[in-house]
Amino acid sequence: MPQRLALARADTGGGGGLLAKLLFAAGAIAIAVAAVLWFSEKPAAAAGEVTHVTAYPIHRVSNSALDAQPRAAKVENTFDQMIVLAQVRLRNANKIPIYLSDISAVVTLPAEQDRSFAASPSSYNRLFVAYPELRPAKGQPLLRDAAIAPGETVEGQLVFNYAITQAQWNARKSLDVTISFVHQNDLTLTAPQ
């Protein structure tokens, strides 16, 4: 005669306790994982905006011949670039000081993207010597490695350089400035068109 199956009863200490323990353990693990994810999510280190963008086209044509052969045909070289001055405002949204690490910007063109890192302090000053027509637009630079105290707002000028023509610049889709901080998430700001 086949054995009869019997359901486990609570008073006999059957298998129902094991299932409850497994469900409890799975729930505790899910809660622990959710807590780690919730509390490890870093808030934005700063808030900010690009308040103004000015772009200066540089177009140079040079006609040169080989010095060794003065009768050689002249070669025409064209040099195009856009110097972009961006005014940026940042506010420290943390309860601790934040430190700028690096600054770059990506211009998105119809067929490509081009990245430029912000000019260093020495390059920033040399730019206005090399291109005196830009001097009226010179502002206070926003420097790498700057410290921003909690709640403080800083503003400064960034300079980017792109080897593109003015027509390419005018056809751009966007200009996104990325500010990197030490031990904090990056902040990306979209510049006004």
N, C-alpha and C. Protein backbone atom coordinates (compact mmCIF):
# COMPACT_ATOMS: atom_id res chain seq x y z
N MET A 1 0.83 -1.16 0.00
CA MET A 1 0.00 0.00 0.00
C MET A 1 0.89 1.24 0.00
N PRO A 2 0.61 2.26 -0.89
CA PRO A 2 1.45 3.45 -0.94
C PRO A 2 1.30 4.29 0.33
N GLN A 3 2.41 5.00 0.61
CA GLN A 3 2.40 5.85 1.80
C GLN A 3 1.55 7.08 1.53
N ARG A 4 0.91 7.52 2.55
CA ARG A 4 0.08 8.71 2.42
C ARG A 4 0.92 9.95 2.73
N LEU A 5 0.69 10.94 1.95
CA LEU A 5 1.37 12.21 2.21
C LEU A 5 0.63 12.97 3.28
N ALA A 6 1.39 13.55 4.17
CA ALA A 6 0.77 14.32 5.25
C ALA A 6 1.34 15.73 5.22
N LEU A 7 0.51 16.68 5.46
CA LEU A 7 0.96 18.06 5.54
C LEU A 7 1.63 18.30 6.88
N ALA A 8 2.63 19.12 6.86
CA ALA A 8 3.33 19.43 8.11
C ALA A 8 2.42 20.28 8.97
N ARG A 9 2.48 20.02 10.23
CA ARG A 9 1.67 20.77 11.17
C ARG A 9 2.58 21.60 12.05
N ALA A 10 2.07 22.70 12.50
CA ALA A 10 2.86 23.59 13.35
C ALA A 10 3.26 22.95 14.65
N ASP A 11 2.44 22.14 15.17
CA ASP A 11 2.76 21.57 16.47
C ASP A 11 3.79 20.46 16.38
N THR A 12 4.12 20.02 15.14
CA THR A 12 5.12 18.96 15.00
C THR A 12 6.45 19.50 14.56
N GLY A 13 6.55 20.83 14.29
CA GLY A 13 7.82 21.41 13.88
C GLY A 13 8.20 21.02 12.47
N GLY A 14 7.28 20.99 11.55
CA GLY A 14 7.52 20.57 10.17
C GLY A 14 8.30 21.61 9.39
N GLY A 15 8.28 21.51 8.06
CA GLY A 15 9.09 22.32 7.16
C GLY A 15 8.63 23.75 7.00
N GLY A 16 7.49 24.19 7.51
CA GLY A 16 7.01 25.55 7.34
C GLY A 16 7.94 26.57 7.95
N GLY A 17 8.66 26.25 8.97
CA GLY A 17 9.58 27.18 9.61
C GLY A 17 10.76 27.52 8.72
N LEU A 18 11.21 26.58 7.92
CA LEU A 18 12.35 26.82 7.01
C LEU A 18 11.98 27.82 5.93
N LEU A 19 10.79 27.68 5.36
CA LEU A 19 10.34 28.61 4.34
C LEU A 19 10.22 30.02 4.91
N ALA A 20 9.68 30.16 6.09
CA ALA A 20 9.55 31.47 6.73
C ALA A 20 10.91 32.09 6.98
N LYS A 21 11.87 31.27 7.40
CA LYS A 21 13.21 31.78 7.64
C LYS A 21 13.86 32.26 6.35
N LEU A 22 13.68 31.50 5.26
CA LEU A 22 14.25 31.91 3.97
C LEU A 22 13.62 33.20 3.47
N LEU A 23 12.31 33.32 3.60
CA LEU A 23 11.64 34.56 3.18
C LEU A 23 12.10 35.75 4.02
N PHE A 24 12.23 35.53 5.32
CA PHE A 24 12.71 36.60 6.21
C PHE A 24 14.13 37.02 5.83
N ALA A 25 15.01 36.07 5.56
CA ALA A 25 16.40 36.36 5.19
C ALA A 25 16.45 37.12 3.86
N ALA A 26 15.66 36.70 2.89
CA ALA A 26 15.64 37.37 1.59
C ALA A 26 15.15 38.81 1.75
N GLY A 27 14.13 39.01 2.58
CA GLY A 27 13.62 40.36 2.82
C GLY A 27 14.65 41.23 3.51
N ALA A 28 15.36 40.67 4.49
CA ALA A 28 16.39 41.44 5.20
C ALA A 28 17.52 41.83 4.26
N ILE A 29 17.92 40.92 3.37
CA ILE A 29 18.98 41.23 2.40
C ILE A 29 18.52 42.32 1.45
N ALA A 30 17.29 42.25 0.98
CA ALA A 30 16.76 43.26 0.06
C ALA A 30 16.73 44.63 0.73
N ILE A 31 16.33 44.67 1.99
CA ILE A 31 16.30 45.94 2.73
C ILE A 31 17.72 46.48 2.92
N ALA A 32 18.67 45.62 3.22
CA ALA A 32 20.06 46.05 3.41
C ALA A 32 20.64 46.61 2.10
N VAL A 33 20.39 45.92 0.99
CA VAL A 33 20.89 46.40 -0.31
C VAL A 33 20.26 47.75 -0.65
N ALA A 34 18.96 47.88 -0.44
CA ALA A 34 18.28 49.15 -0.72
C ALA A 34 18.85 50.27 0.14
N ALA A 35 19.13 49.99 1.41
CA ALA A 35 19.69 51.01 2.30
C ALA A 35 21.08 51.45 1.85
N VAL A 36 21.91 50.49 1.45
CA VAL A 36 23.25 50.83 0.97
C VAL A 36 23.15 51.70 -0.27
N LEU A 37 22.29 51.34 -1.21
CA LEU A 37 22.15 52.14 -2.43
C LEU A 37 21.59 53.52 -2.12
N TRP A 38 20.63 53.60 -1.23
CA TRP A 38 20.01 54.88 -0.89
C TRP A 38 21.01 55.83 -0.23
N PHE A 39 21.74 55.32 0.75
CA PHE A 39 22.63 56.18 1.51
C PHE A 39 23.98 56.42 0.82
N SER A 40 24.36 55.59 -0.15
CA SER A 40 25.62 55.81 -0.85
C SER A 40 25.45 56.72 -2.05
N GLU A 41 24.25 57.03 -2.43
CA GLU A 41 23.99 57.94 -3.55
C GLU A 41 24.45 59.33 -3.15
N LYS A 42 25.46 59.85 -3.85
CA LYS A 42 25.99 61.16 -3.52
C LYS A 42 25.11 62.25 -4.14
N PRO A 43 24.74 63.23 -3.38
CA PRO A 43 24.00 64.34 -3.98
C PRO A 43 24.95 65.15 -4.86
N ALA A 44 24.38 65.97 -5.69
CA ALA A 44 25.20 66.82 -6.56
C ALA A 44 26.10 67.69 -5.67
N ALA A 45 27.37 67.77 -6.03
CA ALA A 45 28.32 68.56 -5.25
C ALA A 45 28.03 70.04 -5.37
N ALA A 46 27.55 70.43 -6.53
CA ALA A 46 27.30 71.85 -6.77
C ALA A 46 26.16 72.01 -7.75
N ALA A 47 25.61 73.17 -7.73
CA ALA A 47 24.63 73.57 -8.74
C ALA A 47 25.29 74.70 -9.52
N GLY A 48 24.87 74.89 -10.74
CA GLY A 48 25.50 75.95 -11.50
C GLY A 48 24.82 76.21 -12.81
N GLU A 49 25.39 77.17 -13.51
CA GLU A 49 24.87 77.52 -14.83
C GLU A 49 25.96 78.23 -15.63
N VAL A 50 25.84 78.11 -16.93
CA VAL A 50 26.66 78.89 -17.84
C VAL A 50 25.81 80.13 -18.14
N THR A 51 26.26 81.28 -17.67
CA THR A 51 25.43 82.48 -17.79
C THR A 51 25.60 83.21 -19.11
N HIS A 52 26.76 83.02 -19.75
CA HIS A 52 27.00 83.74 -21.00
C HIS A 52 28.10 83.05 -21.79
N VAL A 53 27.95 83.01 -23.10
CA VAL A 53 28.98 82.44 -23.98
C VAL A 53 29.25 83.44 -25.10
N THR A 54 30.53 83.69 -25.33
CA THR A 54 30.95 84.52 -26.46
C THR A 54 31.99 83.74 -27.25
N ALA A 55 31.80 83.67 -28.55
CA ALA A 55 32.74 82.94 -29.40
C ALA A 55 33.39 83.90 -30.39
N TYR A 56 34.71 83.78 -30.49
CA TYR A 56 35.49 84.62 -31.39
C TYR A 56 36.11 83.76 -32.47
N PRO A 57 35.75 84.01 -33.72
CA PRO A 57 36.38 83.23 -34.80
C PRO A 57 37.77 83.78 -35.12
N ILE A 58 38.69 82.90 -35.32
CA ILE A 58 40.05 83.27 -35.75
C ILE A 58 40.26 82.60 -37.10
N HIS A 59 40.56 83.41 -38.09
CA HIS A 59 40.80 82.90 -39.44
C HIS A 59 42.10 83.52 -39.95
N ARG A 60 43.07 82.70 -40.22
CA ARG A 60 44.36 83.18 -40.71
C ARG A 60 44.70 82.45 -42.01
N VAL A 61 45.24 83.19 -42.94
CA VAL A 61 45.73 82.61 -44.19
C VAL A 61 47.18 83.03 -44.31
N SER A 62 48.04 82.07 -44.54
CA SER A 62 49.45 82.41 -44.73
C SER A 62 49.91 81.88 -46.07
N ASN A 63 50.62 82.73 -46.76
CA ASN A 63 51.22 82.34 -48.03
C ASN A 63 52.71 82.21 -47.80
N SER A 64 53.22 81.02 -48.01
CA SER A 64 54.64 80.82 -47.76
C SER A 64 55.26 80.01 -48.89
N ALA A 65 56.51 80.26 -49.11
CA ALA A 65 57.29 79.48 -50.08
C ALA A 65 58.41 78.82 -49.30
N LEU A 66 58.94 77.79 -49.86
CA LEU A 66 60.06 77.13 -49.21
C LEU A 66 61.25 78.08 -49.19
N ASP A 67 61.86 78.26 -48.04
CA ASP A 67 63.00 79.18 -47.92
C ASP A 67 64.18 78.73 -48.79
N ALA A 68 64.36 77.44 -48.93
CA ALA A 68 65.50 76.93 -49.69
C ALA A 68 65.33 77.17 -51.19
N GLN A 69 64.09 77.28 -51.63
CA GLN A 69 63.85 77.49 -53.06
C GLN A 69 62.89 78.67 -53.23
N PRO A 70 63.43 79.86 -53.32
CA PRO A 70 62.59 81.05 -53.39
C PRO A 70 61.68 81.08 -54.62
N ARG A 71 62.04 80.34 -55.68
CA ARG A 71 61.21 80.34 -56.88
C ARG A 71 60.09 79.30 -56.81
N ALA A 72 60.03 78.57 -55.73
CA ALA A 72 58.99 77.53 -55.60
C ALA A 72 57.63 78.19 -55.49
N ALA A 73 56.63 77.45 -55.86
CA ALA A 73 55.25 77.96 -55.79
C ALA A 73 54.88 78.23 -54.33
N LYS A 74 54.12 79.27 -54.17
CA LYS A 74 53.68 79.61 -52.82
C LYS A 74 52.57 78.64 -52.40
N VAL A 75 52.61 78.32 -51.12
CA VAL A 75 51.62 77.42 -50.56
C VAL A 75 50.72 78.24 -49.64
N GLU A 76 49.42 78.09 -49.81
CA GLU A 76 48.48 78.82 -48.98
C GLU A 76 47.98 77.90 -47.87
N ASN A 77 48.16 78.33 -46.63
CA ASN A 77 47.69 77.58 -45.48
C ASN A 77 46.59 78.36 -44.79
N THR A 78 45.51 77.68 -44.48
CA THR A 78 44.39 78.30 -43.79
C THR A 78 44.29 77.72 -42.39
N PHE A 79 44.09 78.60 -41.44
CA PHE A 79 43.99 78.20 -40.04
C PHE A 79 42.70 78.80 -39.47
N ASP A 80 41.78 77.92 -39.05
CA ASP A 80 40.52 78.35 -38.45
C ASP A 80 40.40 77.79 -37.05
N GLN A 81 39.91 78.63 -36.15
CA GLN A 81 39.61 78.16 -34.80
C GLN A 81 38.55 79.07 -34.19
N MET A 82 37.89 78.53 -33.18
CA MET A 82 36.93 79.32 -32.41
C MET A 82 37.44 79.37 -30.98
N ILE A 83 37.58 80.58 -30.47
CA ILE A 83 37.92 80.77 -29.06
C ILE A 83 36.61 81.08 -28.35
N VAL A 84 36.27 80.25 -27.39
CA VAL A 84 34.99 80.36 -26.70
C VAL A 84 35.22 80.79 -25.26
N LEU A 85 34.61 81.91 -24.90
CA LEU A 85 34.66 82.42 -23.53
C LEU A 85 33.32 82.12 -22.88
N ALA A 86 33.34 81.35 -21.80
CA ALA A 86 32.10 80.98 -21.11
C ALA A 86 32.13 81.51 -19.69
N GLN A 87 31.11 82.23 -19.31
CA GLN A 87 30.97 82.73 -17.94
C GLN A 87 30.16 81.71 -17.16
N VAL A 88 30.73 81.20 -16.06
CA VAL A 88 30.11 80.12 -15.29
C VAL A 88 29.91 80.55 -13.85
N ARG A 89 28.76 80.16 -13.29
CA ARG A 89 28.46 80.41 -11.87
C ARG A 89 28.23 79.06 -11.20
N LEU A 90 28.92 78.82 -10.07
CA LEU A 90 28.80 77.58 -9.31
C LEU A 90 28.44 77.89 -7.87
N ARG A 91 27.56 77.03 -7.29
CA ARG A 91 27.20 77.17 -5.89
C ARG A 91 27.41 75.82 -5.21
N ASN A 92 28.14 75.84 -4.09
CA ASN A 92 28.39 74.62 -3.33
C ASN A 92 27.12 74.24 -2.59
N ALA A 93 26.55 73.09 -2.94
CA ALA A 93 25.31 72.61 -2.32
C ALA A 93 25.59 71.64 -1.17
N ASN A 94 26.85 71.38 -0.88
CA ASN A 94 27.23 70.45 0.19
C ASN A 94 27.39 71.15 1.52
N LYS A 95 27.59 70.33 2.54
CA LYS A 95 27.87 70.87 3.88
C LYS A 95 29.36 70.89 4.16
N ILE A 96 30.15 70.51 3.16
CA ILE A 96 31.61 70.51 3.29
C ILE A 96 32.18 71.27 2.09
N PRO A 97 33.42 71.75 2.19
CA PRO A 97 34.03 72.43 1.04
C PRO A 97 34.19 71.46 -0.13
N ILE A 98 34.10 72.00 -1.34
CA ILE A 98 34.36 71.20 -2.53
C ILE A 98 35.51 71.84 -3.29
N TYR A 99 36.22 71.01 -4.05
CA TYR A 99 37.43 71.46 -4.74
C TYR A 99 37.32 71.11 -6.21
N LEU A 100 37.48 72.12 -7.07
CA LEU A 100 37.47 71.88 -8.50
C LEU A 100 38.70 71.07 -8.88
N SER A 101 38.51 70.14 -9.80
CA SER A 101 39.60 69.28 -10.22
C SER A 101 39.96 69.54 -11.68
N ASP A 102 38.97 69.51 -12.55
CA ASP A 102 39.22 69.69 -13.97
C ASP A 102 37.98 70.27 -14.63
N ILE A 103 38.19 70.93 -15.75
CA ILE A 103 37.08 71.57 -16.46
C ILE A 103 37.27 71.33 -17.95
N SER A 104 36.22 70.86 -18.59
CA SER A 104 36.27 70.65 -20.04
C SER A 104 34.91 71.00 -20.63
N ALA A 105 34.88 71.09 -21.94
CA ALA A 105 33.62 71.36 -22.63
C ALA A 105 33.59 70.58 -23.93
N VAL A 106 32.42 70.10 -24.27
CA VAL A 106 32.21 69.36 -25.51
C VAL A 106 31.23 70.15 -26.36
N VAL A 107 31.67 70.47 -27.58
CA VAL A 107 30.76 71.08 -28.54
C VAL A 107 30.25 69.95 -29.44
N THR A 108 28.94 69.86 -29.54
CA THR A 108 28.32 68.83 -30.37
C THR A 108 27.93 69.48 -31.69
N LEU A 109 28.57 69.00 -32.75
CA LEU A 109 28.30 69.48 -34.10
C LEU A 109 27.36 68.48 -34.78
N PRO A 110 26.82 68.81 -35.93
CA PRO A 110 25.90 67.87 -36.58
C PRO A 110 26.50 66.49 -36.83
N ALA A 111 27.79 66.38 -37.12
CA ALA A 111 28.37 65.08 -37.47
C ALA A 111 29.42 64.58 -36.47
N GLU A 112 29.77 65.37 -35.46
CA GLU A 112 30.84 64.97 -34.55
C GLU A 112 30.77 65.75 -33.24
N GLN A 113 31.62 65.35 -32.31
CA GLN A 113 31.81 66.08 -31.07
C GLN A 113 33.28 66.45 -30.95
N ASP A 114 33.53 67.60 -30.34
CA ASP A 114 34.91 68.06 -30.16
C ASP A 114 35.06 68.52 -28.71
N ARG A 115 36.08 67.99 -28.01
CA ARG A 115 36.31 68.32 -26.60
C ARG A 115 37.49 69.28 -26.48
N SER A 116 37.37 70.19 -25.53
CA SER A 116 38.45 71.11 -25.22
C SER A 116 38.53 71.25 -23.70
N PHE A 117 39.75 71.25 -23.18
CA PHE A 117 39.93 71.51 -21.76
C PHE A 117 40.10 73.00 -21.55
N ALA A 118 39.63 73.49 -20.42
CA ALA A 118 39.72 74.92 -20.13
C ALA A 118 41.18 75.34 -20.06
N ALA A 119 41.43 76.55 -20.51
CA ALA A 119 42.80 77.08 -20.51
C ALA A 119 43.33 77.16 -19.09
N SER A 120 44.61 76.85 -18.94
CA SER A 120 45.29 76.97 -17.65
C SER A 120 45.48 78.46 -17.36
N PRO A 121 45.80 78.81 -16.11
CA PRO A 121 46.00 80.23 -15.80
C PRO A 121 47.05 80.92 -16.68
N SER A 122 48.15 80.25 -16.96
CA SER A 122 49.18 80.89 -17.80
C SER A 122 48.70 81.01 -19.24
N SER A 123 48.03 80.00 -19.74
CA SER A 123 47.49 80.07 -21.11
C SER A 123 46.39 81.11 -21.20
N TYR A 124 45.62 81.24 -20.13
CA TYR A 124 44.53 82.21 -20.10
C TYR A 124 45.09 83.62 -20.31
N ASN A 125 46.13 83.97 -19.59
CA ASN A 125 46.72 85.30 -19.72
C ASN A 125 47.41 85.50 -21.07
N ARG A 126 48.08 84.46 -21.57
CA ARG A 126 48.76 84.57 -22.87
C ARG A 126 47.77 84.76 -24.02
N LEU A 127 46.57 84.22 -23.86
CA LEU A 127 45.55 84.35 -24.91
C LEU A 127 45.26 85.82 -25.20
N PHE A 128 45.16 86.62 -24.15
CA PHE A 128 44.80 88.02 -24.32
C PHE A 128 45.99 88.86 -24.80
N VAL A 129 47.19 88.30 -24.69
CA VAL A 129 48.36 88.96 -25.28
C VAL A 129 48.42 88.62 -26.77
N ALA A 130 48.18 87.36 -27.10
CA ALA A 130 48.23 86.92 -28.50
C ALA A 130 47.09 87.50 -29.33
N TYR A 131 45.94 87.68 -28.70
CA TYR A 131 44.77 88.22 -29.40
C TYR A 131 44.26 89.45 -28.66
N PRO A 132 44.89 90.60 -28.87
CA PRO A 132 44.52 91.81 -28.12
C PRO A 132 43.07 92.23 -28.34
N GLU A 133 42.48 91.83 -29.46
CA GLU A 133 41.08 92.19 -29.71
C GLU A 133 40.12 91.52 -28.71
N LEU A 134 40.61 90.52 -27.98
CA LEU A 134 39.78 89.85 -26.98
C LEU A 134 39.85 90.51 -25.60
N ARG A 135 40.78 91.44 -25.40
CA ARG A 135 40.98 92.05 -24.08
C ARG A 135 39.72 92.65 -23.47
N PRO A 136 38.86 93.32 -24.25
CA PRO A 136 37.65 93.88 -23.64
C PRO A 136 36.73 92.81 -23.03
N ALA A 137 36.84 91.59 -23.49
CA ALA A 137 35.99 90.51 -22.99
C ALA A 137 36.61 89.75 -21.82
N LYS A 138 37.85 90.11 -21.46
CA LYS A 138 38.55 89.38 -20.40
C LYS A 138 37.86 89.58 -19.05
N GLY A 139 37.64 88.48 -18.36
CA GLY A 139 37.03 88.52 -17.04
C GLY A 139 37.92 87.83 -16.02
N GLN A 140 37.37 87.62 -14.84
CA GLN A 140 38.08 86.90 -13.79
C GLN A 140 37.99 85.41 -14.10
N PRO A 141 39.14 84.70 -14.22
CA PRO A 141 39.05 83.27 -14.57
C PRO A 141 38.54 82.41 -13.41
N LEU A 142 37.85 81.34 -13.76
CA LEU A 142 37.48 80.31 -12.78
C LEU A 142 38.60 79.28 -12.83
N LEU A 143 39.34 79.17 -11.75
CA LEU A 143 40.57 78.37 -11.75
C LEU A 143 40.34 76.95 -11.29
N ARG A 144 41.11 76.04 -11.91
CA ARG A 144 41.16 74.67 -11.40
C ARG A 144 41.71 74.71 -9.98
N ASP A 145 41.41 73.71 -9.21
CA ASP A 145 41.88 73.58 -7.83
C ASP A 145 41.31 74.63 -6.89
N ALA A 146 40.29 75.36 -7.35
CA ALA A 146 39.66 76.34 -6.48
C ALA A 146 38.84 75.61 -5.42
N ALA A 147 38.80 76.16 -4.22
CA ALA A 147 37.98 75.62 -3.14
C ALA A 147 36.73 76.48 -3.02
N ILE A 148 35.58 75.81 -2.85
CA ILE A 148 34.32 76.52 -2.68
C ILE A 148 33.73 76.09 -1.34
N ALA A 149 33.57 77.06 -0.45
CA ALA A 149 33.06 76.77 0.89
C ALA A 149 31.57 76.40 0.82
N PRO A 150 31.07 75.71 1.83
CA PRO A 150 29.64 75.34 1.84
C PRO A 150 28.75 76.57 1.70
N GLY A 151 27.80 76.49 0.78
CA GLY A 151 26.87 77.59 0.55
C GLY A 151 27.43 78.73 -0.27
N GLU A 152 28.73 78.72 -0.56
CA GLU A 152 29.37 79.82 -1.30
C GLU A 152 29.08 79.70 -2.80
N THR A 153 29.00 80.84 -3.45
CA THR A 153 28.83 80.90 -4.90
C THR A 153 30.05 81.57 -5.49
N VAL A 154 30.60 80.97 -6.54
CA VAL A 154 31.73 81.56 -7.25
C VAL A 154 31.35 81.72 -8.71
N GLU A 155 31.97 82.69 -9.34
CA GLU A 155 31.72 82.94 -10.75
C GLU A 155 33.04 83.24 -11.42
N GLY A 156 33.19 82.78 -12.64
CA GLY A 156 34.42 83.06 -13.36
C GLY A 156 34.30 82.70 -14.82
N GLN A 157 35.33 83.07 -15.54
CA GLN A 157 35.36 82.86 -16.98
C GLN A 157 36.23 81.66 -17.33
N LEU A 158 35.77 80.90 -18.30
CA LEU A 158 36.51 79.76 -18.82
C LEU A 158 36.78 80.01 -20.29
N VAL A 159 37.93 79.55 -20.77
CA VAL A 159 38.27 79.71 -22.19
C VAL A 159 38.50 78.33 -22.79
N PHE A 160 37.83 78.08 -23.91
CA PHE A 160 37.97 76.83 -24.65
C PHE A 160 38.37 77.16 -26.08
N ASN A 161 39.06 76.24 -26.71
CA ASN A 161 39.56 76.45 -28.06
C ASN A 161 39.18 75.26 -28.93
N TYR A 162 38.55 75.53 -30.07
CA TYR A 162 38.14 74.47 -30.99
C TYR A 162 38.68 74.76 -32.38
N ALA A 163 39.23 73.76 -33.01
CA ALA A 163 39.75 73.90 -34.38
C ALA A 163 38.60 73.67 -35.36
N ILE A 164 37.65 74.60 -35.35
CA ILE A 164 36.50 74.53 -36.25
C ILE A 164 36.27 75.92 -36.84
N THR A 165 35.48 75.98 -37.88
CA THR A 165 35.18 77.25 -38.53
C THR A 165 33.98 77.91 -37.84
N GLN A 166 33.77 79.17 -38.16
CA GLN A 166 32.62 79.86 -37.60
C GLN A 166 31.32 79.22 -38.09
N ALA A 167 31.30 78.76 -39.34
CA ALA A 167 30.09 78.10 -39.86
C ALA A 167 29.79 76.82 -39.07
N GLN A 168 30.82 76.06 -38.71
CA GLN A 168 30.60 74.87 -37.90
C GLN A 168 30.09 75.25 -36.51
N TRP A 169 30.68 76.29 -35.92
CA TRP A 169 30.23 76.74 -34.61
C TRP A 169 28.76 77.16 -34.65
N ASN A 170 28.39 77.90 -35.69
CA ASN A 170 27.01 78.37 -35.80
C ASN A 170 26.02 77.21 -35.98
N ALA A 171 26.50 76.08 -36.51
CA ALA A 171 25.64 74.91 -36.73
C ALA A 171 25.64 73.95 -35.55
N ARG A 172 26.30 74.32 -34.45
CA ARG A 172 26.42 73.40 -33.31
C ARG A 172 25.05 73.07 -32.74
N LYS A 173 24.98 71.88 -32.15
CA LYS A 173 23.76 71.45 -31.47
C LYS A 173 23.78 71.86 -30.01
N SER A 174 24.97 71.79 -29.38
CA SER A 174 25.07 72.16 -27.97
C SER A 174 26.52 72.39 -27.58
N LEU A 175 26.68 73.03 -26.44
CA LEU A 175 27.98 73.17 -25.78
C LEU A 175 27.75 72.79 -24.33
N ASP A 176 28.39 71.71 -23.89
CA ASP A 176 28.22 71.20 -22.53
C ASP A 176 29.54 71.34 -21.77
N VAL A 177 29.51 72.08 -20.67
CA VAL A 177 30.68 72.30 -19.84
C VAL A 177 30.61 71.32 -18.67
N THR A 178 31.69 70.54 -18.48
CA THR A 178 31.74 69.58 -17.39
C THR A 178 32.77 70.03 -16.37
N ILE A 179 32.30 70.19 -15.13
CA ILE A 179 33.16 70.57 -14.02
C ILE A 179 33.38 69.31 -13.19
N SER A 180 34.64 68.93 -13.00
CA SER A 180 34.98 67.77 -12.16
C SER A 180 35.46 68.27 -10.82
N PHE A 181 35.03 67.56 -9.77
CA PHE A 181 35.40 67.90 -8.40
C PHE A 181 36.20 66.75 -7.80
N VAL A 182 37.00 67.05 -6.79
CA VAL A 182 37.73 66.02 -6.06
C VAL A 182 36.73 65.26 -5.19
N HIS A 183 36.66 63.95 -5.35
CA HIS A 183 35.82 63.05 -4.54
C HIS A 183 34.34 63.37 -4.61
N GLN A 184 33.89 63.97 -5.69
CA GLN A 184 32.47 64.29 -5.87
C GLN A 184 32.08 63.95 -7.31
N ASN A 185 30.78 63.88 -7.55
CA ASN A 185 30.30 63.64 -8.91
C ASN A 185 30.54 64.87 -9.78
N ASP A 186 30.73 64.63 -11.08
CA ASP A 186 30.89 65.73 -12.03
C ASP A 186 29.58 66.50 -12.17
N LEU A 187 29.70 67.73 -12.59
CA LEU A 187 28.54 68.58 -12.88
C LEU A 187 28.65 69.00 -14.33
N THR A 188 27.61 68.72 -15.12
CA THR A 188 27.61 69.11 -16.52
C THR A 188 26.55 70.19 -16.72
N LEU A 189 26.98 71.29 -17.32
CA LEU A 189 26.12 72.45 -17.55
C LEU A 189 25.98 72.67 -19.04
N THR A 190 24.77 72.82 -19.51
CA THR A 190 24.55 73.11 -20.93
C THR A 190 24.50 74.61 -21.11
N ALA A 191 25.32 75.10 -22.03
CA ALA A 191 25.41 76.54 -22.29
C ALA A 191 24.22 77.00 -23.13
N PRO A 192 23.82 78.24 -22.94
CA PRO A 192 22.75 78.78 -23.79
C PRO A 192 23.22 78.89 -25.23
N GLN A 193 22.30 78.70 -26.15
CA GLN A 193 22.65 78.82 -27.58
C GLN A 193 22.73 80.29 -27.87
